[in-house]
Amino acid sequence: MVLRREPTARQMRLGTELRRLREAAGLTAREAAALLRAGRVQMSHIESGLTGVSEQRLRRLASHYACMDHEFIDALVSMATDRTRGWWEEYRGLLPTSFLDLSELNHYASFRRDVAILYVPGLLQTKEYARAVFSSRVPELTDEELELRVRHRMRGQEITFPYELVIHEAALRIRVSNRTASRAQLAKLLDLSEMENITVRVIPFDLDDFARAASTMTYVGGSVPKLDTVVRDVPQGSAFIDSEAQLSAFRTRFRKVEGVSLDRERSRDFIHRLTKEL
């Protein structure tokens, strides 16, 4: 079987979950490979996402691993057998892989929760705001690279899942471009916050008890909770976090931040006041 040159985050996640199941069962990669009448190297390729695995083989492994979580196994089978070629694949080789992986993650999301401290999240940005954010990169992007990123960002803004955003006043006030662009961005936030599946909550500067819960994060729900993912910005792009202990910590962190934010209606009033100030 031909190895994948660049497995996606979703393909690597499938391999990671199979490795976790194997390790929980106390089996070595060689022992697991023998169950499939395969070699240890092939098992290594499966667990690293470099090659796929059939539904029959996956269910056989799950049975030998004594995994009784049938909903979870069905979710893994769906990951293994899905042949969707998403719109983001048009950008492969043109944009950093992290851009494509996040688009793929959003496509399969059951929900998403963001905490934003300095910038409006990409899902809700206007074209002018996105262009200003990308223009601030160091080293500077070429005009072609800049427009490619903006076009990709605009195309990936379809929000079909429940989305909760907690955003700090700093992100609402910082002018990444000019007054006109900032006003347009706030107007877009207000419009989107009226959608039934989108909730925007604001943390004003003068709100108490925020420091202990402050942290930018993106939490994306999988088809089952075990497949949730947290995305954090790092100097090299984005880091995808999926260990249960870390996921649990970030779930708690989001609820703490949400707990000290304004409610939905007061947040809309707050953004409206900021818009009038510009």
C-alpha atoms as a PDB file:
ATOM      1  CA  MET A   1       0.000   0.000   0.000  1.00  0.00           C
ATOM      2  CA  VAL A   2       1.304   3.454  -0.936  1.00  0.00           C
ATOM      3  CA  LEU A   3       2.151   5.555   2.102  1.00  0.00           C
ATOM      4  CA  ARG A   4       0.614   8.978   2.512  1.00  0.00           C
ATOM      5  CA  ARG A   5       3.147  11.752   2.089  1.00  0.00           C
ATOM      6  CA  GLU A   6       1.288  14.119   4.391  1.00  0.00           C
ATOM      7  CA  PRO A   7      -1.474  12.552   6.509  1.00  0.00           C
ATOM      8  CA  THR A   8      -4.135  14.967   7.699  1.00  0.00           C
ATOM      9  CA  ALA A   9      -4.780  15.675  11.371  1.00  0.00           C
ATOM     10  CA  ARG A  10      -7.919  13.527  11.131  1.00  0.00           C
ATOM     11  CA  GLN A  11      -5.976  10.569   9.707  1.00  0.00           C
ATOM     12  CA  MET A  12      -3.298  10.910  12.378  1.00  0.00           C
ATOM     13  CA  ARG A  13      -5.973  11.145  15.078  1.00  0.00           C
ATOM     14  CA  LEU A  14      -7.441   7.818  13.950  1.00  0.00           C
ATOM     15  CA  GLY A  15      -4.009   6.219  14.260  1.00  0.00           C
ATOM     16  CA  THR A  16      -3.467   7.802  17.660  1.00  0.00           C
ATOM     17  CA  GLU A  17      -6.743   6.420  18.988  1.00  0.00           C
ATOM     18  CA  LEU A  18      -5.918   2.921  17.711  1.00  0.00           C
ATOM     19  CA  ARG A  19      -2.529   3.122  19.438  1.00  0.00           C
ATOM     20  CA  ARG A  20      -4.193   4.210  22.680  1.00  0.00           C
ATOM     21  CA  LEU A  21      -6.596   1.274  22.510  1.00  0.00           C
ATOM     22  CA  ARG A  22      -3.707  -1.122  21.893  1.00  0.00           C
ATOM     23  CA  GLU A  23      -1.678   0.258  24.770  1.00  0.00           C
ATOM     24  CA  ALA A  24      -4.702   0.112  27.085  1.00  0.00           C
ATOM     25  CA  ALA A  25      -5.037  -3.578  26.172  1.00  0.00           C
ATOM     26  CA  GLY A  26      -1.382  -4.156  27.078  1.00  0.00           C
ATOM     27  CA  LEU A  27      -0.346  -5.327  23.610  1.00  0.00           C
ATOM     28  CA  THR A  28       2.800  -4.459  21.689  1.00  0.00           C
ATOM     29  CA  ALA A  29       2.674  -3.265  18.086  1.00  0.00           C
ATOM     30  CA  ARG A  30       4.117  -6.622  17.008  1.00  0.00           C
ATOM     31  CA  GLU A  31       1.402  -8.533  18.872  1.00  0.00           C
ATOM     32  CA  ALA A  32      -1.341  -6.352  17.391  1.00  0.00           C
ATOM     33  CA  ALA A  33       0.097  -6.774  13.907  1.00  0.00           C
ATOM     34  CA  ALA A  34      -0.018 -10.549  14.314  1.00  0.00           C
ATOM     35  CA  LEU A  35      -3.759 -10.302  14.911  1.00  0.00           C
ATOM     36  CA  LEU A  36      -4.058  -8.848  11.406  1.00  0.00           C
ATOM     37  CA  ARG A  37      -1.439 -11.182   9.943  1.00  0.00           C
ATOM     38  CA  ALA A  38       0.605  -8.112   9.193  1.00  0.00           C
ATOM     39  CA  GLY A  39       4.070  -6.874  10.104  1.00  0.00           C
ATOM     40  CA  ARG A  40       5.045  -4.532  12.910  1.00  0.00           C
ATOM     41  CA  VAL A  41       6.026  -1.857  10.367  1.00  0.00           C
ATOM     42  CA  GLN A  42       2.552  -1.920   8.821  1.00  0.00           C
ATOM     43  CA  MET A  43       0.985  -1.511  12.245  1.00  0.00           C
ATOM     44  CA  SER A  44       3.299   1.419  12.874  1.00  0.00           C
ATOM     45  CA  HIS A  45       2.144   3.006   9.613  1.00  0.00           C
ATOM     46  CA  ILE A  46      -1.512   2.560  10.586  1.00  0.00           C
ATOM     47  CA  GLU A  47      -0.961   4.102  14.028  1.00  0.00           C
ATOM     48  CA  SER A  48       0.903   7.077  12.566  1.00  0.00           C
ATOM     49  CA  GLY A  49      -1.734   7.774   9.910  1.00  0.00           C
ATOM     50  CA  LEU A  50       0.641   6.982   7.052  1.00  0.00           C
ATOM     51  CA  THR A  51      -1.718   4.315   5.763  1.00  0.00           C
ATOM     52  CA  GLY A  52      -5.389   3.527   6.223  1.00  0.00           C
ATOM     53  CA  VAL A  53      -7.190   0.603   7.787  1.00  0.00           C
ATOM     54  CA  SER A  54     -10.326  -1.190   6.590  1.00  0.00           C
ATOM     55  CA  GLU A  55     -13.509  -1.413   8.644  1.00  0.00           C
ATOM     56  CA  GLN A  56     -13.059  -5.178   9.007  1.00  0.00           C
ATOM     57  CA  ARG A  57      -9.524  -4.824  10.334  1.00  0.00           C
ATOM     58  CA  LEU A  58     -10.441  -1.957  12.628  1.00  0.00           C
ATOM     59  CA  ARG A  59     -13.313  -3.860  14.210  1.00  0.00           C
ATOM     60  CA  ARG A  60     -11.111  -6.938  14.590  1.00  0.00           C
ATOM     61  CA  LEU A  61      -8.529  -4.894  16.439  1.00  0.00           C
ATOM     62  CA  ALA A  62     -11.194  -3.284  18.649  1.00  0.00           C
ATOM     63  CA  SER A  63     -12.503  -6.727  19.536  1.00  0.00           C
ATOM     64  CA  HIS A  64      -9.050  -7.989  20.503  1.00  0.00           C
ATOM     65  CA  TYR A  65      -8.460  -4.782  22.452  1.00  0.00           C
ATOM     66  CA  ALA A  66     -11.682  -5.553  24.390  1.00  0.00           C
ATOM     67  CA  CYS A  67     -13.110  -2.102  23.645  1.00  0.00           C
ATOM     68  CA  MET A  68     -16.806  -2.186  24.488  1.00  0.00           C
ATOM     69  CA  ASP A  69     -17.536   1.441  23.588  1.00  0.00           C
ATOM     70  CA  HIS A  70     -19.480   0.704  20.406  1.00  0.00           C
ATOM     71  CA  GLU A  71     -20.312   4.345  19.699  1.00  0.00           C
ATOM     72  CA  PHE A  72     -16.614   5.201  19.812  1.00  0.00           C
ATOM     73  CA  ILE A  73     -15.675   2.295  17.540  1.00  0.00           C
ATOM     74  CA  ASP A  74     -18.387   3.303  15.053  1.00  0.00           C
ATOM     75  CA  ALA A  75     -16.929   6.819  15.054  1.00  0.00           C
ATOM     76  CA  LEU A  76     -13.454   5.440  14.321  1.00  0.00           C
ATOM     77  CA  VAL A  77     -14.877   3.321  11.496  1.00  0.00           C
ATOM     78  CA  SER A  78     -16.472   6.438  10.037  1.00  0.00           C
ATOM     79  CA  MET A  79     -13.100   8.182  10.151  1.00  0.00           C
ATOM     80  CA  ALA A  80     -11.394   5.215   8.517  1.00  0.00           C
ATOM     81  CA  THR A  81     -13.876   4.765   5.669  1.00  0.00           C
ATOM     82  CA  ASP A  82     -14.792   8.371   4.864  1.00  0.00           C
ATOM     83  CA  ARG A  83     -13.498   9.361   1.430  1.00  0.00           C
ATOM     84  CA  THR A  84     -14.636  12.987   1.478  1.00  0.00           C
ATOM     85  CA  ARG A  85     -12.390  15.355  -0.443  1.00  0.00           C
ATOM     86  CA  GLY A  86     -13.148  18.707   1.112  1.00  0.00           C
ATOM     87  CA  TRP A  87     -12.901  22.129  -0.491  1.00  0.00           C
ATOM     88  CA  TRP A  88      -9.768  22.805   1.582  1.00  0.00           C
ATOM     89  CA  GLU A  89      -7.839  20.219  -0.461  1.00  0.00           C
ATOM     90  CA  GLU A  90      -7.677  22.781  -3.277  1.00  0.00           C
ATOM     91  CA  TYR A  91      -5.203  24.663  -1.087  1.00  0.00           C
ATOM     92  CA  ARG A  92      -2.884  21.716  -0.359  1.00  0.00           C
ATOM     93  CA  GLY A  93       0.652  22.657  -1.275  1.00  0.00           C
ATOM     94  CA  LEU A  94      -0.343  26.323  -1.335  1.00  0.00           C
ATOM     95  CA  LEU A  95      -1.026  26.958   2.363  1.00  0.00           C
ATOM     96  CA  PRO A  96       0.533  25.569   5.554  1.00  0.00           C
ATOM     97  CA  THR A  97      -0.940  22.208   6.539  1.00  0.00           C
ATOM     98  CA  SER A  98      -2.339  23.645   9.785  1.00  0.00           C
ATOM     99  CA  PHE A  99      -4.772  25.807   7.761  1.00  0.00           C
ATOM    100  CA  LEU A 100      -6.160  22.726   6.018  1.00  0.00           C
ATOM    101  CA  ASP A 101      -6.301  20.635   9.179  1.00  0.00           C
ATOM    102  CA  LEU A 102      -8.370  23.288  10.957  1.00  0.00           C
ATOM    103  CA  SER A 103     -10.758  23.503   7.993  1.00  0.00           C
ATOM    104  CA  GLU A 104     -11.141  19.723   8.071  1.00  0.00           C
ATOM    105  CA  LEU A 105     -11.726  19.822  11.817  1.00  0.00           C
ATOM    106  CA  ASN A 106     -14.466  22.438  11.404  1.00  0.00           C
ATOM    107  CA  HIS A 107     -16.104  20.411   8.625  1.00  0.00           C
ATOM    108  CA  TYR A 108     -16.617  17.437  10.940  1.00  0.00           C
ATOM    109  CA  ALA A 109     -17.287  19.453  14.114  1.00  0.00           C
ATOM    110  CA  SER A 110     -20.330  18.721  16.260  1.00  0.00           C
ATOM    111  CA  PHE A 111     -19.775  22.053  18.030  1.00  0.00           C
ATOM    112  CA  ARG A 112     -17.044  24.640  18.558  1.00  0.00           C
ATOM    113  CA  ARG A 113     -16.137  26.920  21.466  1.00  0.00           C
ATOM    114  CA  ASP A 114     -13.646  29.784  21.236  1.00  0.00           C
ATOM    115  CA  VAL A 115     -12.049  32.053  23.807  1.00  0.00           C
ATOM    116  CA  ALA A 116     -10.557  35.129  22.111  1.00  0.00           C
ATOM    117  CA  ILE A 117      -8.381  37.662  23.901  1.00  0.00           C
ATOM    118  CA  LEU A 118      -6.706  39.822  21.239  1.00  0.00           C
ATOM    119  CA  TYR A 119      -8.344  39.015  17.891  1.00  0.00           C
ATOM    120  CA  VAL A 120     -11.773  38.176  16.553  1.00  0.00           C
ATOM    121  CA  PRO A 121     -11.647  34.452  15.603  1.00  0.00           C
ATOM    122  CA  GLY A 122     -11.190  33.626  11.925  1.00  0.00           C
ATOM    123  CA  LEU A 123     -14.667  32.108  11.634  1.00  0.00           C
ATOM    124  CA  LEU A 124     -16.216  35.531  12.226  1.00  0.00           C
ATOM    125  CA  GLN A 125     -13.735  37.882  10.569  1.00  0.00           C
ATOM    126  CA  THR A 126     -14.586  40.267   7.753  1.00  0.00           C
ATOM    127  CA  LYS A 127     -12.393  40.181   4.679  1.00  0.00           C
ATOM    128  CA  GLU A 128     -10.756  43.488   5.618  1.00  0.00           C
ATOM    129  CA  TYR A 129     -10.076  42.327   9.178  1.00  0.00           C
ATOM    130  CA  ALA A 130      -8.568  39.039   7.982  1.00  0.00           C
ATOM    131  CA  ARG A 131      -6.378  40.849   5.470  1.00  0.00           C
ATOM    132  CA  ALA A 132      -5.088  43.173   8.195  1.00  0.00           C
ATOM    133  CA  VAL A 133      -4.302  40.243  10.517  1.00  0.00           C
ATOM    134  CA  PHE A 134      -2.400  38.362   7.832  1.00  0.00           C
ATOM    135  CA  SER A 135      -0.613  41.554   6.747  1.00  0.00           C
ATOM    136  CA  SER A 136       0.950  41.826  10.204  1.00  0.00           C
ATOM    137  CA  ARG A 137       2.838  38.542   9.843  1.00  0.00           C
ATOM    138  CA  VAL A 138       6.615  38.442  10.107  1.00  0.00           C
ATOM    139  CA  PRO A 139       8.209  37.621   7.749  1.00  0.00           C
ATOM    140  CA  GLU A 140       5.889  39.586   5.509  1.00  0.00           C
ATOM    141  CA  LEU A 141       3.707  37.673   3.054  1.00  0.00           C
ATOM    142  CA  THR A 142       3.731  38.340  -0.665  1.00  0.00           C
ATOM    143  CA  ASP A 143       0.551  39.792  -2.170  1.00  0.00           C
ATOM    144  CA  GLU A 144      -0.261  36.372  -3.647  1.00  0.00           C
ATOM    145  CA  GLU A 145       0.241  34.574  -0.314  1.00  0.00           C
ATOM    146  CA  LEU A 146      -1.832  37.195   1.484  1.00  0.00           C
ATOM    147  CA  GLU A 147      -4.792  36.949  -0.884  1.00  0.00           C
ATOM    148  CA  LEU A 148      -4.634  33.148  -0.795  1.00  0.00           C
ATOM    149  CA  ARG A 149      -4.972  33.141   2.989  1.00  0.00           C
ATOM    150  CA  VAL A 150      -7.804  35.662   2.921  1.00  0.00           C
ATOM    151  CA  ARG A 151      -9.668  33.680   0.269  1.00  0.00           C
ATOM    152  CA  HIS A 152      -9.262  30.447   2.249  1.00  0.00           C
ATOM    153  CA  ARG A 153     -10.482  32.120   5.449  1.00  0.00           C
ATOM    154  CA  MET A 154     -13.591  33.571   3.811  1.00  0.00           C
ATOM    155  CA  ARG A 155     -14.470  30.249   2.217  1.00  0.00           C
ATOM    156  CA  GLY A 156     -14.279  28.412   5.529  1.00  0.00           C
ATOM    157  CA  GLN A 157     -16.785  30.563   7.409  1.00  0.00           C
ATOM    158  CA  GLU A 158     -19.887  28.434   7.024  1.00  0.00           C
ATOM    159  CA  ILE A 159     -20.986  27.705  10.601  1.00  0.00           C
ATOM    160  CA  THR A 160     -23.410  24.786  10.560  1.00  0.00           C
ATOM    161  CA  PHE A 161     -22.700  23.641  14.116  1.00  0.00           C
ATOM    162  CA  PRO A 162     -23.443  25.191  17.539  1.00  0.00           C
ATOM    163  CA  TYR A 163     -20.782  27.836  18.121  1.00  0.00           C
ATOM    164  CA  GLU A 164     -19.981  29.645  21.368  1.00  0.00           C
ATOM    165  CA  LEU A 165     -17.537  32.534  21.502  1.00  0.00           C
ATOM    166  CA  VAL A 166     -16.305  34.272  24.625  1.00  0.00           C
ATOM    167  CA  ILE A 167     -14.402  37.369  23.540  1.00  0.00           C
ATOM    168  CA  HIS A 168     -12.527  39.908  25.620  1.00  0.00           C
ATOM    169  CA  GLU A 169     -13.145  43.616  25.226  1.00  0.00           C
ATOM    170  CA  ALA A 170      -9.497  43.976  24.150  1.00  0.00           C
ATOM    171  CA  ALA A 171     -10.191  41.990  20.985  1.00  0.00           C
ATOM    172  CA  LEU A 172     -13.183  44.183  20.226  1.00  0.00           C
ATOM    173  CA  ARG A 173     -11.296  47.441  20.724  1.00  0.00           C
ATOM    174  CA  ILE A 174      -7.946  46.663  19.081  1.00  0.00           C
ATOM    175  CA  ARG A 175      -7.941  48.187  15.595  1.00  0.00           C
ATOM    176  CA  VAL A 176      -6.076  45.721  13.426  1.00  0.00           C
ATOM    177  CA  SER A 177      -6.740  48.078  10.511  1.00  0.00           C
ATOM    178  CA  ASN A 178      -8.682  51.362  10.674  1.00  0.00           C
ATOM    179  CA  ARG A 179     -11.860  52.767  12.216  1.00  0.00           C
ATOM    180  CA  THR A 180     -14.034  51.814   9.241  1.00  0.00           C
ATOM    181  CA  ALA A 181     -12.800  48.201   9.246  1.00  0.00           C
ATOM    182  CA  SER A 182     -13.304  47.950  13.013  1.00  0.00           C
ATOM    183  CA  ARG A 183     -16.864  49.236  12.745  1.00  0.00           C
ATOM    184  CA  ALA A 184     -17.617  46.726   9.977  1.00  0.00           C
ATOM    185  CA  GLN A 185     -16.158  43.905  12.064  1.00  0.00           C
ATOM    186  CA  LEU A 186     -18.289  44.761  15.088  1.00  0.00           C
ATOM    187  CA  ALA A 187     -21.355  44.993  12.851  1.00  0.00           C
ATOM    188  CA  LYS A 188     -20.654  41.517  11.511  1.00  0.00           C
ATOM    189  CA  LEU A 189     -20.320  40.172  15.049  1.00  0.00           C
ATOM    190  CA  LEU A 190     -23.703  41.656  15.924  1.00  0.00           C
ATOM    191  CA  ASP A 191     -25.334  40.168  12.830  1.00  0.00           C
ATOM    192  CA  LEU A 192     -23.881  36.714  13.439  1.00  0.00           C
ATOM    193  CA  SER A 193     -24.795  36.783  17.128  1.00  0.00           C
ATOM    194  CA  GLU A 194     -28.448  36.855  16.105  1.00  0.00           C
ATOM    195  CA  MET A 195     -28.157  33.411  14.520  1.00  0.00           C
ATOM    196  CA  GLU A 196     -29.727  30.651  16.571  1.00  0.00           C
ATOM    197  CA  ASN A 197     -26.604  28.461  16.576  1.00  0.00           C
ATOM    198  CA  ILE A 198     -24.124  31.237  17.442  1.00  0.00           C
ATOM    199  CA  THR A 199     -23.628  32.665  20.934  1.00  0.00           C
ATOM    200  CA  VAL A 200     -21.284  35.606  21.534  1.00  0.00           C
ATOM    201  CA  ARG A 201     -20.415  36.568  25.112  1.00  0.00           C
ATOM    202  CA  VAL A 202     -18.160  39.481  26.100  1.00  0.00           C
ATOM    203  CA  ILE A 203     -15.715  39.912  28.962  1.00  0.00           C
ATOM    204  CA  PRO A 204     -15.373  43.667  29.692  1.00  0.00           C
ATOM    205  CA  PHE A 205     -12.175  45.126  31.102  1.00  0.00           C
ATOM    206  CA  ASP A 206     -13.875  45.958  34.393  1.00  0.00           C
ATOM    207  CA  LEU A 207     -15.221  42.467  35.073  1.00  0.00           C
ATOM    208  CA  ASP A 208     -13.824  40.733  38.167  1.00  0.00           C
ATOM    209  CA  ASP A 209     -12.346  37.225  38.457  1.00  0.00           C
ATOM    210  CA  PHE A 210     -11.052  36.868  34.918  1.00  0.00           C
ATOM    211  CA  ALA A 211      -7.284  36.491  35.247  1.00  0.00           C
ATOM    212  CA  ARG A 212      -7.410  32.951  36.647  1.00  0.00           C
ATOM    213  CA  ALA A 213      -9.360  31.739  33.627  1.00  0.00           C
ATOM    214  CA  ALA A 214      -7.757  33.748  30.822  1.00  0.00           C
ATOM    215  CA  SER A 215      -6.418  31.799  27.857  1.00  0.00           C
ATOM    216  CA  THR A 216      -7.021  31.873  24.131  1.00  0.00           C
ATOM    217  CA  MET A 217      -8.333  28.535  22.915  1.00  0.00           C
ATOM    218  CA  THR A 218     -10.428  26.741  20.324  1.00  0.00           C
ATOM    219  CA  TYR A 219     -12.334  23.641  21.456  1.00  0.00           C
ATOM    220  CA  VAL A 220     -13.849  21.546  18.668  1.00  0.00           C
ATOM    221  CA  GLY A 221     -16.323  18.768  19.416  1.00  0.00           C
ATOM    222  CA  GLY A 222     -15.922  15.427  17.672  1.00  0.00           C
ATOM    223  CA  SER A 223     -18.647  12.955  16.771  1.00  0.00           C
ATOM    224  CA  VAL A 224     -18.134  11.507  20.274  1.00  0.00           C
ATOM    225  CA  PRO A 225     -16.506  13.286  23.260  1.00  0.00           C
ATOM    226  CA  LYS A 226     -13.389  11.097  23.073  1.00  0.00           C
ATOM    227  CA  LEU A 227     -12.693  12.644  19.657  1.00  0.00           C
ATOM    228  CA  ASP A 228     -12.841  16.277  20.794  1.00  0.00           C
ATOM    229  CA  THR A 229      -9.829  18.447  19.935  1.00  0.00           C
ATOM    230  CA  VAL A 230      -8.320  21.635  21.314  1.00  0.00           C
ATOM    231  CA  VAL A 231      -6.407  23.882  18.930  1.00  0.00           C
ATOM    232  CA  ARG A 232      -3.767  26.269  20.292  1.00  0.00           C
ATOM    233  CA  ASP A 233      -1.640  28.750  18.366  1.00  0.00           C
ATOM    234  CA  VAL A 234       2.093  28.046  18.448  1.00  0.00           C
ATOM    235  CA  PRO A 235       5.003  29.739  16.630  1.00  0.00           C
ATOM    236  CA  GLN A 236       4.995  27.000  13.979  1.00  0.00           C
ATOM    237  CA  GLY A 237       1.248  27.251  13.294  1.00  0.00           C
ATOM    238  CA  SER A 238      -1.321  25.307  15.314  1.00  0.00           C
ATOM    239  CA  ALA A 239      -1.038  22.547  17.896  1.00  0.00           C
ATOM    240  CA  PHE A 240      -3.798  19.927  18.101  1.00  0.00           C
ATOM    241  CA  ILE A 241      -4.382  18.618  21.632  1.00  0.00           C
ATOM    242  CA  ASP A 242      -6.409  15.457  22.185  1.00  0.00           C
ATOM    243  CA  SER A 243      -5.423  13.692  25.420  1.00  0.00           C
ATOM    244  CA  GLU A 244      -8.393  13.161  27.727  1.00  0.00           C
ATOM    245  CA  ALA A 245      -6.692  14.830  30.687  1.00  0.00           C
ATOM    246  CA  GLN A 246      -5.969  17.976  28.679  1.00  0.00           C
ATOM    247  CA  LEU A 247      -9.420  18.008  27.081  1.00  0.00           C
ATOM    248  CA  SER A 248     -10.985  17.838  30.522  1.00  0.00           C
ATOM    249  CA  ALA A 249      -8.834  20.758  31.703  1.00  0.00           C
ATOM    250  CA  PHE A 250      -9.812  22.885  28.707  1.00  0.00           C
ATOM    251  CA  ARG A 251     -13.507  22.078  29.154  1.00  0.00           C
ATOM    252  CA  THR A 252     -13.234  23.332  32.719  1.00  0.00           C
ATOM    253  CA  ARG A 253     -11.281  26.379  31.589  1.00  0.00           C
ATOM    254  CA  PHE A 254     -13.934  27.326  29.048  1.00  0.00           C
ATOM    255  CA  ARG A 255     -16.728  27.058  31.595  1.00  0.00           C
ATOM    256  CA  LYS A 256     -14.777  29.285  34.005  1.00  0.00           C
ATOM    257  CA  VAL A 257     -14.312  31.926  31.321  1.00  0.00           C
ATOM    258  CA  GLU A 258     -17.940  31.614  30.264  1.00  0.00           C
ATOM    259  CA  GLY A 259     -19.022  31.940  33.882  1.00  0.00           C
ATOM    260  CA  VAL A 260     -17.468  35.400  34.298  1.00  0.00           C
ATOM    261  CA  SER A 261     -18.648  36.763  30.930  1.00  0.00           C
ATOM    262  CA  LEU A 262     -21.735  38.834  30.188  1.00  0.00           C
ATOM    263  CA  ASP A 263     -24.825  36.974  29.062  1.00  0.00           C
ATOM    264  CA  ARG A 264     -25.892  36.931  25.424  1.00  0.00           C
ATOM    265  CA  GLU A 265     -28.135  39.999  25.477  1.00  0.00           C
ATOM    266  CA  ARG A 266     -25.831  42.147  27.594  1.00  0.00           C
ATOM    267  CA  SER A 267     -22.971  41.188  25.293  1.00  0.00           C
ATOM    268  CA  ARG A 268     -24.924  42.340  22.244  1.00  0.00           C
ATOM    269  CA  ASP A 269     -25.652  45.645  23.993  1.00  0.00           C
ATOM    270  CA  PHE A 270     -21.982  46.000  24.861  1.00  0.00           C
ATOM    271  CA  ILE A 271     -20.836  45.459  21.254  1.00  0.00           C
ATOM    272  CA  HIS A 272     -23.507  47.836  20.014  1.00  0.00           C
ATOM    273  CA  ARG A 273     -22.194  50.563  22.341  1.00  0.00           C
ATOM    274  CA  LEU A 274     -18.645  50.022  21.098  1.00  0.00           C
ATOM    275  CA  THR A 275     -19.860  50.326  17.515  1.00  0.00           C
ATOM    276  CA  LYS A 276     -21.468  53.679  18.271  1.00  0.00           C
ATOM    277  CA  GLU A 277     -18.211  54.931  19.809  1.00  0.00           C
ATOM    278  CA  LEU A 278     -16.285  54.417  16.540  1.00  0.00           C
END
